[in-house]
Structure formats: structure tokens, C-alpha cells
Amino acid sequence: MSNRSAEKRERQNRVRRMRNRAAKSTMRTAIKKFEAALVAEDKEKAQSALDLSLKLIDTMANKGIIHHNTVNCKKSRLQLKFNAFADQSAAQA
């Protein structure tokens, strides 16, 4: 590219893209840890993983990395999974 402003925008976009990819990866990893805790039937670990996941999801929304409708959908699905797990474990006890 011969246009200096276009070169700068390309550099900025590359840095932001990598930052956003890392943030999304962190969020996905937290969600996977939550789901693994559900499979292992560890309620305390699942609760802490859920709290971390919800916090990271909200952070992604505030930074504009993911859309707020996506945030609502993800949070709702995670909370439904946890509530079903908690109801199931309460019924067994």
C-alpha cells in the first residue's frame, strides 16, 4: 500500500483483531471449564466457573467484542444449564 493512513489503519486493525481473538478465546475457555464442572458434577466449581464466565461475557459486551444480543443468549443458556444441574442435584439429595 502506498497510502500511509491506510497502512496505519491496517496495523491498528491487526492489533485489535489479535486482542479480540485472545479475549474471545479466554471467554470460550471459561465456558468450557464451566461445562466440564457440570459433567464432573462439582457444584462449587461449576458455580465459580459460571460466575467467571458471566463476568467475561459481560466484559466482552462492554468492549464491543460481541453483540449484546449474543451476550444475552449465552448468559441465558449458561444459567439454564446451571439451574437444571442444581435442580437435578437437589432432587438426588
C-alpha atoms as a PDB file:
ATOM      1  CA  MET A   1       0.000   0.000   0.000  1.00  0.00           C
ATOM      2  CA  SER A   2       1.275   3.421  -0.804  1.00  0.00           C
ATOM      3  CA  ASN A   3      -1.157   5.337   1.380  1.00  0.00           C
ATOM      4  CA  ARG A   4       0.344   5.906   4.825  1.00  0.00           C
ATOM      5  CA  SER A   5      -3.000   6.306   6.579  1.00  0.00           C
ATOM      6  CA  ALA A   6      -4.191   3.024   5.089  1.00  0.00           C
ATOM      7  CA  GLU A   7      -1.020   1.322   6.328  1.00  0.00           C
ATOM      8  CA  LYS A   8      -1.612   2.676   9.802  1.00  0.00           C
ATOM      9  CA  ARG A   9      -5.242   1.502   9.783  1.00  0.00           C
ATOM     10  CA  GLU A  10      -4.070  -1.942   8.713  1.00  0.00           C
ATOM     11  CA  ARG A  11      -1.607  -2.082  11.621  1.00  0.00           C
ATOM     12  CA  GLN A  12      -4.257  -0.907  14.086  1.00  0.00           C
ATOM     13  CA  ASN A  13      -6.779  -3.415  12.790  1.00  0.00           C
ATOM     14  CA  ARG A  14      -4.271  -6.246  13.064  1.00  0.00           C
ATOM     15  CA  VAL A  15      -3.507  -5.388  16.705  1.00  0.00           C
ATOM     16  CA  ARG A  16      -7.196  -5.058  17.585  1.00  0.00           C
ATOM     17  CA  ARG A  17      -8.089  -8.281  15.794  1.00  0.00           C
ATOM     18  CA  MET A  18      -5.455 -10.206  17.759  1.00  0.00           C
ATOM     19  CA  ARG A  19      -6.597  -8.613  21.036  1.00  0.00           C
ATOM     20  CA  ASN A  20     -10.222  -9.510  20.287  1.00  0.00           C
ATOM     21  CA  ARG A  21      -9.284 -13.071  19.323  1.00  0.00           C
ATOM     22  CA  ALA A  22      -7.441 -13.538  22.594  1.00  0.00           C
ATOM     23  CA  ALA A  23     -10.374 -12.162  24.587  1.00  0.00           C
ATOM     24  CA  LYS A  24     -12.863 -14.417  22.795  1.00  0.00           C
ATOM     25  CA  SER A  25     -10.601 -17.396  23.378  1.00  0.00           C
ATOM     26  CA  THR A  26     -10.450 -16.624  27.099  1.00  0.00           C
ATOM     27  CA  MET A  27     -14.233 -16.404  27.213  1.00  0.00           C
ATOM     28  CA  ARG A  28     -14.671 -19.706  25.358  1.00  0.00           C
ATOM     29  CA  THR A  29     -12.181 -21.423  27.664  1.00  0.00           C
ATOM     30  CA  ALA A  30     -14.086 -20.224  30.741  1.00  0.00           C
ATOM     31  CA  ILE A  31     -17.333 -21.580  29.282  1.00  0.00           C
ATOM     32  CA  LYS A  32     -15.674 -24.937  28.575  1.00  0.00           C
ATOM     33  CA  LYS A  33     -14.415 -25.100  32.170  1.00  0.00           C
ATOM     34  CA  PHE A  34     -17.952 -24.430  33.387  1.00  0.00           C
ATOM     35  CA  GLU A  35     -19.354 -27.210  31.206  1.00  0.00           C
ATOM     36  CA  ALA A  36     -16.605 -29.568  32.393  1.00  0.00           C
ATOM     37  CA  ALA A  37     -17.540 -28.816  36.003  1.00  0.00           C
ATOM     38  CA  LEU A  38     -21.157 -29.683  35.192  1.00  0.00           C
ATOM     39  CA  VAL A  39     -20.095 -33.013  33.700  1.00  0.00           C
ATOM     40  CA  ALA A  40     -17.947 -33.707  36.775  1.00  0.00           C
ATOM     41  CA  GLU A  41     -20.977 -32.805  38.958  1.00  0.00           C
ATOM     42  CA  ASP A  42     -18.960 -30.422  41.112  1.00  0.00           C
ATOM     43  CA  LYS A  43     -21.434 -27.748  42.201  1.00  0.00           C
ATOM     44  CA  GLU A  44     -18.958 -25.349  43.862  1.00  0.00           C
ATOM     45  CA  LYS A  45     -16.583 -25.482  40.919  1.00  0.00           C
ATOM     46  CA  ALA A  46     -19.490 -25.048  38.491  1.00  0.00           C
ATOM     47  CA  GLN A  47     -20.753 -22.017  40.429  1.00  0.00           C
ATOM     48  CA  SER A  48     -17.353 -20.314  40.417  1.00  0.00           C
ATOM     49  CA  ALA A  49     -16.825 -21.151  36.729  1.00  0.00           C
ATOM     50  CA  LEU A  50     -20.292 -19.778  35.928  1.00  0.00           C
ATOM     51  CA  ASP A  51     -19.532 -16.526  37.761  1.00  0.00           C
ATOM     52  CA  LEU A  52     -16.267 -16.137  35.872  1.00  0.00           C
ATOM     53  CA  SER A  53     -17.921 -16.952  32.537  1.00  0.00           C
ATOM     54  CA  LEU A  54     -20.698 -14.416  33.066  1.00  0.00           C
ATOM     55  CA  LYS A  55     -18.170 -11.778  34.076  1.00  0.00           C
ATOM     56  CA  LEU A  56     -16.062 -12.396  30.979  1.00  0.00           C
ATOM     57  CA  ILE A  57     -19.122 -12.377  28.721  1.00  0.00           C
ATOM     58  CA  ASP A  58     -20.216  -9.014  30.153  1.00  0.00           C
ATOM     59  CA  THR A  59     -16.703  -7.676  29.687  1.00  0.00           C
ATOM     60  CA  MET A  60     -16.723  -8.725  26.021  1.00  0.00           C
ATOM     61  CA  ALA A  61     -20.017  -6.894  25.530  1.00  0.00           C
ATOM     62  CA  ASN A  62     -18.775  -3.713  27.215  1.00  0.00           C
ATOM     63  CA  LYS A  63     -15.708  -3.703  24.992  1.00  0.00           C
ATOM     64  CA  GLY A  64     -17.859  -4.219  21.907  1.00  0.00           C
ATOM     65  CA  ILE A  65     -16.219  -7.517  21.009  1.00  0.00           C
ATOM     66  CA  ILE A  66     -19.512  -9.423  20.881  1.00  0.00           C
ATOM     67  CA  HIS A  67     -23.031  -8.131  20.287  1.00  0.00           C
ATOM     68  CA  HIS A  68     -25.316  -7.562  23.260  1.00  0.00           C
ATOM     69  CA  ASN A  69     -27.935  -9.979  21.881  1.00  0.00           C
ATOM     70  CA  THR A  70     -25.266 -12.682  21.718  1.00  0.00           C
ATOM     71  CA  VAL A  71     -24.368 -11.861  25.314  1.00  0.00           C
ATOM     72  CA  ASN A  72     -27.961 -12.270  26.454  1.00  0.00           C
ATOM     73  CA  CYS A  73     -28.279 -15.586  24.636  1.00  0.00           C
ATOM     74  CA  LYS A  74     -25.016 -17.003  26.039  1.00  0.00           C
ATOM     75  CA  LYS A  75     -25.746 -15.888  29.604  1.00  0.00           C
ATOM     76  CA  SER A  76     -29.256 -17.294  29.469  1.00  0.00           C
ATOM     77  CA  ARG A  77     -28.107 -20.673  28.174  1.00  0.00           C
ATOM     78  CA  LEU A  78     -25.353 -20.973  30.766  1.00  0.00           C
ATOM     79  CA  GLN A  79     -27.692 -20.031  33.600  1.00  0.00           C
ATOM     80  CA  LEU A  80     -30.319 -22.517  32.385  1.00  0.00           C
ATOM     81  CA  LYS A  81     -27.706 -25.288  32.335  1.00  0.00           C
ATOM     82  CA  PHE A  82     -26.608 -24.447  35.856  1.00  0.00           C
ATOM     83  CA  ASN A  83     -30.180 -24.231  37.174  1.00  0.00           C
ATOM     84  CA  ALA A  84     -31.043 -27.607  35.646  1.00  0.00           C
ATOM     85  CA  PHE A  85     -27.912 -29.096  37.204  1.00  0.00           C
ATOM     86  CA  ALA A  86     -28.708 -27.563  40.603  1.00  0.00           C
ATOM     87  CA  ASP A  87     -32.303 -28.836  40.477  1.00  0.00           C
ATOM     88  CA  GLN A  88     -31.090 -32.300  39.495  1.00  0.00           C
ATOM     89  CA  SER A  89     -28.526 -32.430  42.301  1.00  0.00           C
ATOM     90  CA  ALA A  90     -31.091 -31.121  44.825  1.00  0.00           C
ATOM     91  CA  ALA A  91     -33.570 -33.809  43.775  1.00  0.00           C
ATOM     92  CA  GLN A  92     -30.947 -36.527  44.250  1.00  0.00           C
ATOM     93  CA  ALA A  93     -30.055 -35.310  47.753  1.00  0.00           C
END
